[in-house]
Amino acid sequence: MSLHSQNRRSFIRNTSSLFAFSYLKYSGLGKLDFTPKRRVALIGTGWYGKSDLFRLIQVEPAEVVGICDVDKNQLRQASELISQRIGNNKLIPLYNDYKKLLSEEKPEIVLIGTPDHWHALQTIDALKSGSHVYVQKPISVDVMEGEAMLAAARKYDRVVQVGTQRRSTPHLIEAKKNIVDSGMLGKVLHVEMCCYYHMRNSSNPPIQAIPDFFDYEQWTGPAPLRPFTGLPHRGGWRAFMEYGNGIMGDMCVHMFDAVRWMLDLGWPKKISSTGGIYGTNPGLSNIADTQHAIFEYDGLNCVWQHRAWGTATDPEYPWAFKIYGEKGTLCGSTMRYDFIPEGKGEKIHRDVAYEREQFPEDLTEKSIELHAAPATRLHMKNFIESINNKTRPVADIEQAHISTAACILANMSMKLERPLTYDPIKKIVSGDSEATALLQRSYRTGWEHPF
């Protein structure tokens, strides 16, 4: 049910001015043009949902026609922040049911910043409604969700950009062009990827009463209903495999996707993984704090390692990839890249480029990732260009599906204790009926899987 704090007629009166719907600019002929603003909706108003919206409105005229969240307090706070950022007094329609938002507001663009277990259904419903979609990674919690999302994007001919914005990170774009594509690495023989952040929530909170402002039933949606142990916001839900894919799906998906983009890699031939909970303080969390995975290609292995404890093997690159070629090594992260040539060649180093002068509002935005803001802005620009030109974006749903599914298959391999080979044509794990059955997880009673 919508949570409009004002009636519909009042809302229309308040927004009747042409300037509420149009962007005034000078054309190349020196004439004034009225360019319609993009009608944008946000589903999931937490930290990164708002961040994605703020990056979009920095690069494209937009009218926020609705925002949705199952936490009434978070929703109203987001409304106030967004209104302040846009700089007008217009009241934004508020919803706790995203389907009502889609049907009543009919947005052109939908940004999805909800937890992972909601990405598939919300993306597909937005596509059905006619919207283009920007959805956060990983795109799904099981492989068949990803297949359904890809099929829907193609069926409804909409653009789906995924928040794997390493593909739009300025210094990594430079590294791809000047180091990889130019042949400075020579033949690539091996890749290592890692994350050594202490990011696993090991707390052990008691079961609590659900606050009246939070719809826990709707938040859980198709996922298993866990006992309520506190508000799951700001990534608290990432401690549980019921809602995501662990550190593998949260952090490896970024670096593996970046490597695939750098080297033009498709589906891995074989995926294997080992790991588990090895730390001394597991808490309630059921995600692996230690994991090793191998994504095999012809003549090349991409190896992942994460530990949510201990020290990083390279303090300069605690979350990163390293591409090893016959002529040198490329190290890359969100913060920098380094090229180390074989022999006496010249080393090349670049740091992340901030855009503080161009976008001073970044400096006062709460919890912003300043180093990631330029990448997300470029990602949003590419998203809009793809809509305008009817082309595939740099982080198209198909590419994100490969990266996401590979991480899910790594988790499956760890669980089954054997290597897996996924056949994307037949949509099975070759020669493994038990693994194939795990490609689609059961939804909670009352919810229907989209595949």
Protein backbone atom coordinates (compact mmCIF):
# COMPACT_ATOMS: atom_id res chain seq x y z
CA MET A 1 0.00 0.00 0.00
CA SER A 2 1.44 3.43 -0.94
CA LEU A 3 2.57 5.71 1.85
CA HIS A 4 1.77 9.05 0.21
CA SER A 5 2.00 11.72 2.88
CA GLN A 6 -0.08 13.99 0.66
CA ASN A 7 -3.01 13.26 -1.54
CA ARG A 8 -2.61 12.76 -5.25
CA ARG A 9 -4.27 16.01 -6.27
CA SER A 10 -2.00 18.04 -4.07
CA PHE A 11 1.03 16.27 -5.51
CA ILE A 12 -0.06 17.07 -9.08
CA ARG A 13 -0.67 20.73 -8.20
CA ASN A 14 2.76 21.02 -6.62
CA THR A 15 4.44 19.58 -9.70
CA SER A 16 2.43 21.23 -12.45
CA SER A 17 5.19 23.62 -13.40
CA LEU A 18 6.92 22.76 -16.64
CA PHE A 19 10.26 23.06 -14.90
CA ALA A 20 9.36 20.13 -12.67
CA PHE A 21 9.23 17.88 -15.71
CA SER A 22 11.75 19.47 -18.05
CA TYR A 23 15.42 20.34 -18.15
CA LEU A 24 16.22 23.74 -19.67
CA LYS A 25 19.41 23.89 -21.75
CA TYR A 26 20.97 25.61 -24.74
CA SER A 27 21.15 23.65 -27.98
CA GLY A 28 24.09 23.76 -30.35
CA LEU A 29 22.20 26.39 -32.39
CA GLY A 30 21.96 28.73 -29.44
CA LYS A 31 18.27 28.07 -28.91
CA LEU A 32 16.60 27.02 -25.71
CA ASP A 33 15.52 23.38 -25.61
CA PHE A 34 13.24 21.63 -23.16
CA THR A 35 14.53 18.11 -22.63
CA PRO A 36 12.21 15.87 -20.59
CA LYS A 37 13.72 14.63 -17.38
CA ARG A 38 14.12 10.91 -16.87
CA ARG A 39 11.37 9.51 -14.67
CA VAL A 40 13.37 7.59 -12.08
CA ALA A 41 12.31 5.35 -9.21
CA LEU A 42 14.43 3.83 -6.45
CA ILE A 43 13.65 0.47 -4.84
CA GLY A 44 15.69 0.01 -1.67
CA THR A 45 16.62 3.32 -0.04
CA GLY A 46 19.56 2.20 2.06
CA TRP A 47 23.18 3.29 1.77
CA TYR A 48 24.03 2.19 -1.75
CA GLY A 49 20.57 2.69 -3.21
CA LYS A 50 20.76 6.40 -2.38
CA SER A 51 24.39 6.53 -3.53
CA ASP A 52 23.46 5.14 -6.95
CA LEU A 53 20.60 7.64 -7.25
CA PHE A 54 22.85 10.55 -6.31
CA ARG A 55 25.42 9.51 -8.93
CA LEU A 56 22.70 9.31 -11.59
CA ILE A 57 21.30 12.77 -10.92
CA GLN A 58 24.83 14.18 -11.13
CA VAL A 59 25.10 13.18 -14.78
CA GLU A 60 21.52 13.15 -16.10
CA PRO A 61 18.46 15.37 -15.51
CA ALA A 62 16.04 13.23 -13.52
CA GLU A 63 12.73 13.47 -11.74
CA VAL A 64 12.41 11.08 -8.82
CA VAL A 65 8.84 9.86 -9.24
CA GLY A 66 8.84 7.41 -6.34
CA ILE A 67 10.95 5.56 -3.81
CA CYS A 68 10.19 2.28 -2.07
CA ASP A 69 11.33 0.60 1.13
CA VAL A 70 9.83 -1.73 3.73
CA ASP A 71 11.37 0.33 6.55
CA LYS A 72 9.14 3.39 7.04
CA ASN A 73 11.81 5.29 8.98
CA GLN A 74 14.50 4.67 6.40
CA LEU A 75 12.06 5.57 3.62
CA ARG A 76 11.13 8.94 5.11
CA GLN A 77 14.75 9.77 5.91
CA ALA A 78 15.70 8.94 2.33
CA SER A 79 12.90 11.14 1.03
CA GLU A 80 14.22 14.09 3.01
CA LEU A 81 17.81 13.55 1.83
CA ILE A 82 16.80 13.15 -1.80
CA SER A 83 14.59 16.26 -1.72
CA GLN A 84 17.45 18.26 -0.19
CA ARG A 85 19.87 16.97 -2.79
CA ILE A 86 17.56 17.74 -5.71
CA GLY A 87 16.97 21.19 -4.26
CA ASN A 88 13.22 21.60 -4.40
CA ASN A 89 10.22 21.33 -2.11
CA LYS A 90 8.42 18.67 -4.09
CA LEU A 91 7.21 15.74 -2.03
CA ILE A 92 8.36 12.39 -3.38
CA PRO A 93 5.71 9.62 -3.47
CA LEU A 94 6.61 6.94 -0.93
CA TYR A 95 5.84 3.23 -1.24
CA ASN A 96 6.39 0.05 0.72
CA ASP A 97 5.18 -2.09 -2.20
CA TYR A 98 7.41 -1.84 -5.26
CA LYS A 99 4.74 -3.30 -7.56
CA LYS A 100 2.41 -0.41 -6.73
CA LEU A 101 5.22 2.02 -7.42
CA LEU A 102 5.79 0.48 -10.86
CA SER A 103 2.10 0.45 -11.78
CA GLU A 104 1.23 3.92 -10.47
CA GLU A 105 4.34 5.92 -11.39
CA LYS A 106 5.43 4.09 -14.57
CA PRO A 107 9.11 5.09 -14.28
CA GLU A 108 11.40 5.02 -17.29
CA ILE A 109 14.34 3.97 -15.10
CA VAL A 110 14.34 1.84 -11.96
CA LEU A 111 17.33 1.67 -9.64
CA ILE A 112 17.40 -1.45 -7.44
CA GLY A 113 19.45 -1.28 -4.24
CA THR A 114 17.74 -4.01 -2.22
CA PRO A 115 19.48 -7.08 -0.74
CA ASP A 116 20.54 -9.77 -3.20
CA HIS A 117 17.61 -12.11 -2.61
CA TRP A 118 15.25 -9.51 -4.09
CA HIS A 119 17.20 -8.58 -7.22
CA ALA A 120 15.69 -11.14 -9.58
CA LEU A 121 12.00 -10.57 -8.90
CA GLN A 122 12.25 -6.79 -8.77
CA THR A 123 14.34 -6.59 -11.93
CA ILE A 124 11.98 -8.83 -13.88
CA ASP A 125 8.88 -6.97 -12.65
CA ALA A 126 10.46 -3.63 -13.58
CA LEU A 127 11.31 -4.94 -17.06
CA LYS A 128 7.74 -6.18 -17.52
CA SER A 129 6.47 -2.72 -16.61
CA GLY A 130 8.60 -1.21 -19.38
CA SER A 131 11.43 0.23 -17.29
CA HIS A 132 15.14 0.15 -17.93
CA VAL A 133 16.96 -1.18 -14.87
CA TYR A 134 20.15 -0.47 -12.94
CA VAL A 135 20.54 -3.30 -10.43
CA GLN A 136 23.25 -3.92 -7.90
CA LYS A 137 25.52 -6.94 -7.98
CA PRO A 138 25.43 -9.87 -7.58
CA ILE A 139 22.34 -10.10 -9.75
CA SER A 140 20.95 -13.25 -8.14
CA VAL A 141 21.21 -15.79 -5.34
CA ASP A 142 20.88 -18.81 -7.62
CA VAL A 143 21.95 -19.46 -11.21
CA MET A 144 18.45 -19.87 -12.63
CA GLU A 145 17.38 -16.48 -11.30
CA GLY A 146 20.14 -15.01 -13.42
CA GLU A 147 18.99 -16.96 -16.46
CA ALA A 148 15.46 -15.63 -15.94
CA MET A 149 16.69 -12.04 -15.61
CA LEU A 150 18.72 -12.30 -18.82
CA ALA A 151 15.75 -13.80 -20.67
CA ALA A 152 13.45 -11.02 -19.43
CA ALA A 153 15.86 -8.27 -20.48
CA ARG A 154 15.99 -9.67 -23.99
CA LYS A 155 12.25 -10.41 -24.20
CA TYR A 156 11.19 -6.90 -23.17
CA ASP A 157 14.12 -5.26 -25.01
CA ARG A 158 15.17 -3.11 -22.08
CA VAL A 159 18.63 -2.02 -20.96
CA VAL A 160 19.92 -3.60 -17.74
CA GLN A 161 23.13 -2.17 -16.34
CA VAL A 162 24.62 -3.95 -13.30
CA GLY A 163 26.66 -2.30 -10.55
CA THR A 164 29.93 -4.03 -11.46
CA GLN A 165 31.47 -0.61 -11.98
CA ARG A 166 35.09 -1.72 -12.20
CA ARG A 167 34.32 -1.74 -15.94
CA SER A 168 33.82 2.03 -15.63
CA THR A 169 36.67 2.78 -13.20
CA PRO A 170 38.84 5.43 -14.95
CA HIS A 171 42.27 4.13 -13.98
CA LEU A 172 41.28 0.54 -14.80
CA ILE A 173 39.95 1.62 -18.19
CA GLU A 174 43.38 3.15 -18.78
CA ALA A 175 45.12 -0.05 -17.63
CA LYS A 176 43.02 -2.17 -19.98
CA LYS A 177 43.75 0.08 -22.95
CA ASN A 178 47.41 0.87 -22.35
CA ILE A 179 48.65 -2.31 -20.66
CA VAL A 180 46.42 -5.24 -21.61
CA ASP A 181 45.06 -4.36 -25.04
CA SER A 182 48.38 -2.93 -26.21
CA GLY A 183 50.11 -6.27 -25.55
CA MET A 184 52.46 -5.05 -22.82
CA LEU A 185 51.66 -8.14 -20.72
CA GLY A 186 52.33 -10.55 -23.56
CA LYS A 187 50.56 -13.87 -23.25
CA VAL A 188 48.60 -14.02 -20.01
CA LEU A 189 49.26 -17.22 -18.09
CA HIS A 190 47.74 -16.77 -14.64
CA VAL A 191 45.43 -14.52 -12.60
CA GLU A 192 45.15 -14.09 -8.84
CA MET A 193 42.29 -12.28 -7.09
CA CYS A 194 41.77 -11.67 -3.40
CA CYS A 195 39.96 -9.98 -0.55
CA TYR A 196 41.45 -9.84 2.92
CA TYR A 197 39.08 -7.35 4.52
CA HIS A 198 37.78 -8.29 7.97
CA MET A 199 34.22 -7.86 6.75
CA ARG A 200 32.40 -10.90 8.13
CA ASN A 201 29.88 -10.06 10.86
CA SER A 202 30.68 -12.41 13.75
CA SER A 203 28.20 -10.98 16.26
CA ASN A 204 25.72 -13.14 18.14
CA PRO A 205 22.65 -10.99 18.86
CA PRO A 206 19.55 -12.44 20.56
CA ILE A 207 16.16 -12.83 18.93
CA GLN A 208 14.31 -9.52 19.15
CA ALA A 209 10.83 -8.10 18.69
CA ILE A 210 10.22 -6.74 15.20
CA PRO A 211 9.74 -2.95 15.32
CA ASP A 212 6.41 -1.65 14.03
CA PHE A 213 8.08 0.53 11.35
CA PHE A 214 9.76 -2.46 9.68
CA ASP A 215 7.93 -5.03 7.53
CA TYR A 216 10.14 -8.05 8.11
CA GLU A 217 7.82 -10.40 6.25
CA GLN A 218 8.04 -8.29 3.10
CA TRP A 219 11.77 -7.70 3.55
CA THR A 220 12.34 -11.47 3.61
CA GLY A 221 10.15 -12.02 0.55
CA PRO A 222 11.07 -15.24 -1.29
CA ALA A 223 13.99 -16.08 1.03
CA PRO A 224 13.84 -18.32 4.11
CA LEU A 225 12.42 -16.51 7.14
CA ARG A 226 15.15 -16.35 9.79
CA PRO A 227 14.49 -15.36 13.40
CA PHE A 228 14.65 -11.58 13.69
CA THR A 229 17.88 -10.53 15.40
CA GLY A 230 17.87 -6.83 14.56
CA LEU A 231 17.51 -4.53 11.57
CA PRO A 232 19.50 -6.03 8.66
CA HIS A 233 20.51 -2.71 7.11
CA ARG A 234 23.95 -1.58 5.91
CA GLY A 235 24.98 -5.10 4.96
CA GLY A 236 23.99 -6.91 8.14
CA TRP A 237 22.08 -9.36 5.97
CA ARG A 238 25.32 -10.29 4.18
CA ALA A 239 26.22 -12.50 7.12
CA PHE A 240 23.69 -15.08 5.93
CA MET A 241 23.63 -17.30 2.83
CA GLU A 242 19.83 -17.09 2.86
CA TYR A 243 20.08 -13.54 1.49
CA GLY A 244 23.27 -13.52 -0.58
CA ASN A 245 26.31 -15.44 -1.76
CA GLY A 246 28.76 -14.63 1.01
CA ILE A 247 32.06 -12.83 0.45
CA MET A 248 32.40 -14.77 -2.80
CA GLY A 249 29.26 -13.13 -4.21
CA ASP A 250 29.93 -9.74 -2.63
CA MET A 251 33.62 -9.17 -3.37
CA CYS A 252 34.89 -11.83 -5.78
CA VAL A 253 32.16 -10.95 -8.30
CA HIS A 254 33.72 -7.48 -8.68
CA MET A 255 37.28 -8.66 -9.24
CA PHE A 256 36.39 -11.68 -11.36
CA ASP A 257 34.14 -9.51 -13.52
CA ALA A 258 36.95 -6.96 -13.92
CA VAL A 259 39.38 -9.69 -15.00
CA ARG A 260 36.90 -11.16 -17.48
CA TRP A 261 36.40 -7.68 -18.95
CA MET A 262 40.14 -7.01 -19.07
CA LEU A 263 40.92 -10.31 -20.80
CA ASP A 264 37.67 -10.83 -22.74
CA LEU A 265 36.83 -14.09 -20.97
CA GLY A 266 33.45 -15.83 -21.09
CA TRP A 267 32.17 -18.78 -19.08
CA PRO A 268 34.83 -20.75 -17.18
CA LYS A 269 35.38 -24.33 -18.36
CA LYS A 270 35.47 -25.65 -14.80
CA ILE A 271 35.03 -24.19 -11.30
CA SER A 272 36.32 -25.64 -8.05
CA SER A 273 36.40 -24.27 -4.53
CA THR A 274 37.28 -25.18 -0.96
CA GLY A 275 36.81 -23.33 2.31
CA GLY A 276 34.52 -22.84 5.25
CA ILE A 277 34.26 -21.18 8.65
CA TYR A 278 37.75 -21.46 10.12
CA GLY A 279 37.81 -18.45 12.43
CA THR A 280 37.53 -18.76 16.18
CA ASN A 281 34.45 -16.51 16.52
CA PRO A 282 31.79 -17.57 13.99
CA GLY A 283 28.82 -15.89 15.69
CA LEU A 284 25.45 -16.34 13.95
CA SER A 285 26.89 -15.86 10.47
CA ASN A 286 26.87 -18.87 8.15
CA ILE A 287 29.04 -17.52 5.32
CA ALA A 288 32.58 -18.78 4.74
CA ASP A 289 35.28 -16.67 6.35
CA THR A 290 37.95 -18.49 4.30
CA GLN A 291 37.61 -19.60 0.68
CA HIS A 292 39.77 -20.56 -2.27
CA ALA A 293 38.35 -20.91 -5.79
CA ILE A 294 39.72 -21.69 -9.25
CA PHE A 295 37.99 -20.54 -12.44
CA GLU A 296 39.59 -22.54 -15.25
CA TYR A 297 40.02 -21.45 -18.87
CA ASP A 298 42.12 -22.88 -21.67
CA GLY A 299 45.72 -22.24 -20.67
CA LEU A 300 44.71 -19.91 -17.83
CA ASN A 301 43.48 -20.23 -14.25
CA CYS A 302 41.85 -17.34 -12.39
CA VAL A 303 42.37 -18.03 -8.67
CA TRP A 304 40.42 -16.35 -5.86
CA GLN A 305 41.28 -16.25 -2.15
CA HIS A 306 39.51 -14.54 0.71
CA ARG A 307 40.14 -14.50 4.44
CA ALA A 308 38.08 -12.44 6.86
CA TRP A 309 40.92 -12.69 9.38
CA GLY A 310 44.71 -12.30 9.40
CA THR A 311 46.82 -9.96 7.28
CA ALA A 312 46.79 -9.31 3.55
CA THR A 313 49.52 -10.98 1.50
CA ASP A 314 50.14 -7.59 -0.16
CA PRO A 315 49.10 -4.63 2.03
CA GLU A 316 48.96 -2.38 -1.05
CA TYR A 317 46.40 -4.68 -2.68
CA PRO A 318 44.10 -6.16 0.01
CA TRP A 319 41.14 -6.38 -2.44
CA ALA A 320 42.49 -6.74 -5.92
CA PHE A 321 43.48 -8.73 -8.99
CA LYS A 322 46.91 -9.52 -10.38
CA ILE A 323 47.29 -10.54 -14.01
CA TYR A 324 50.53 -12.37 -14.80
CA GLY A 325 51.84 -12.31 -18.36
CA GLU A 326 55.04 -13.37 -20.04
CA LYS A 327 56.20 -9.75 -20.28
CA GLY A 328 55.00 -8.41 -16.95
CA THR A 329 52.39 -8.22 -14.22
CA LEU A 330 49.39 -5.91 -13.85
CA CYS A 331 48.07 -5.31 -10.33
CA GLY A 332 44.70 -3.59 -10.10
CA SER A 333 42.26 -2.44 -7.43
CA THR A 334 39.69 0.24 -6.80
CA MET A 335 42.49 2.50 -5.55
CA ARG A 336 45.36 2.07 -8.04
CA TYR A 337 47.12 0.00 -10.64
CA ASP A 338 50.75 -0.99 -11.11
CA PHE A 339 52.47 -2.51 -14.12
CA ILE A 340 55.70 -4.34 -13.31
CA PRO A 341 57.56 -5.37 -16.48
CA GLU A 342 59.90 -8.31 -16.82
CA GLY A 343 63.54 -7.23 -16.90
CA LYS A 344 64.55 -3.59 -16.92
CA GLY A 345 61.45 -1.99 -18.43
CA GLU A 346 59.73 1.02 -16.90
CA LYS A 347 57.18 0.49 -14.15
CA ILE A 348 53.86 2.31 -14.47
CA HIS A 349 51.75 3.45 -11.51
CA ARG A 350 48.39 5.22 -11.38
CA ASP A 351 46.24 6.18 -8.42
CA VAL A 352 42.47 6.54 -8.34
CA ALA A 353 41.26 9.86 -9.74
CA TYR A 354 38.88 11.72 -7.45
CA GLU A 355 36.50 14.38 -8.79
CA ARG A 356 36.15 16.63 -5.77
CA GLU A 357 36.36 19.88 -7.75
CA GLN A 358 33.79 18.85 -10.36
CA PHE A 359 31.37 17.45 -7.78
CA PRO A 360 31.89 19.28 -4.45
CA GLU A 361 28.62 17.84 -3.12
CA ASP A 362 30.46 14.51 -2.80
CA LEU A 363 32.41 15.95 0.12
CA THR A 364 29.33 16.38 2.30
CA GLU A 365 27.50 13.19 1.36
CA LYS A 366 27.28 10.82 4.30
CA SER A 367 29.08 7.46 3.86
CA ILE A 368 29.99 8.12 0.24
CA GLU A 369 32.76 5.99 -1.29
CA LEU A 370 34.70 8.89 -2.77
CA HIS A 371 37.02 6.63 -4.70
CA ALA A 372 34.09 4.81 -6.33
CA ALA A 373 31.98 7.87 -7.19
CA PRO A 374 33.75 8.64 -10.52
CA ALA A 375 33.33 5.01 -11.61
CA THR A 376 29.63 4.97 -10.77
CA ARG A 377 29.09 8.27 -12.59
CA LEU A 378 30.72 6.82 -15.72
CA HIS A 379 28.63 3.69 -15.26
CA MET A 380 25.47 5.80 -15.14
CA LYS A 381 26.54 7.76 -18.23
CA ASN A 382 27.08 4.50 -20.10
CA PHE A 383 23.65 3.30 -18.89
CA ILE A 384 21.93 6.42 -20.26
CA GLU A 385 23.87 6.28 -23.54
CA SER A 386 22.79 2.67 -23.98
CA ILE A 387 19.15 3.63 -23.45
CA ASN A 388 19.46 6.48 -25.94
CA ASN A 389 21.29 4.42 -28.56
CA LYS A 390 19.51 1.11 -27.96
CA THR A 391 22.82 -0.67 -27.33
CA ARG A 392 24.15 -3.03 -24.67
CA PRO A 393 25.83 -1.32 -21.71
CA VAL A 394 29.35 -2.12 -20.54
CA ALA A 395 28.01 -4.17 -17.59
CA ASP A 396 25.14 -5.76 -19.47
CA ILE A 397 23.00 -8.30 -17.64
CA GLU A 398 24.56 -11.15 -19.65
CA GLN A 399 28.08 -10.31 -18.50
CA ALA A 400 26.94 -9.82 -14.92
CA HIS A 401 25.11 -13.16 -15.07
CA ILE A 402 28.31 -14.97 -16.04
CA SER A 403 30.27 -13.35 -13.21
CA THR A 404 27.52 -13.89 -10.64
CA ALA A 405 26.77 -17.47 -11.67
CA ALA A 406 30.47 -18.37 -11.57
CA CYS A 407 30.64 -17.19 -7.94
CA ILE A 408 27.49 -19.12 -7.06
CA LEU A 409 28.94 -22.24 -8.71
CA ALA A 410 32.11 -21.77 -6.63
CA ASN A 411 29.99 -21.83 -3.48
CA MET A 412 28.23 -24.94 -4.76
CA SER A 413 31.59 -26.58 -5.46
CA MET A 414 32.74 -25.82 -1.92
CA LYS A 415 29.54 -27.37 -0.55
CA LEU A 416 29.66 -30.49 -2.76
CA GLU A 417 33.46 -30.85 -2.49
CA ARG A 418 34.01 -31.37 -6.23
CA PRO A 419 34.63 -29.34 -9.40
CA LEU A 420 31.64 -28.23 -11.48
CA THR A 421 31.17 -27.44 -15.17
CA TYR A 422 28.13 -25.37 -16.08
CA ASP A 423 26.58 -25.69 -19.53
CA PRO A 424 24.84 -22.33 -20.26
CA ILE A 425 23.09 -23.77 -23.31
CA LYS A 426 21.51 -26.76 -21.58
CA LYS A 427 21.46 -24.90 -18.24
CA ILE A 428 22.76 -27.89 -16.30
CA VAL A 429 25.92 -28.85 -14.47
CA SER A 430 27.39 -31.36 -16.87
CA GLY A 431 27.29 -34.92 -15.58
CA ASP A 432 26.11 -33.90 -12.12
CA SER A 433 22.38 -34.17 -11.39
CA GLU A 434 22.85 -33.30 -7.71
CA ALA A 435 24.58 -30.04 -8.59
CA THR A 436 22.03 -29.29 -11.31
CA ALA A 437 19.27 -29.52 -8.69
CA LEU A 438 21.05 -26.78 -6.70
CA LEU A 439 21.01 -24.30 -9.60
CA GLN A 440 17.51 -23.24 -8.54
CA ARG A 441 16.74 -22.92 -4.88
CA SER A 442 13.28 -23.30 -3.40
CA TYR A 443 11.34 -20.13 -2.69
CA ARG A 444 9.34 -19.64 0.48
CA THR A 445 5.69 -20.70 0.37
CA GLY A 446 3.64 -18.09 -1.44
CA TRP A 447 6.46 -16.97 -3.73
CA GLU A 448 7.13 -18.21 -7.26
CA HIS A 449 10.59 -18.64 -8.71
CA PRO A 450 10.92 -16.75 -12.03
CA PHE A 451 12.64 -19.52 -14.02
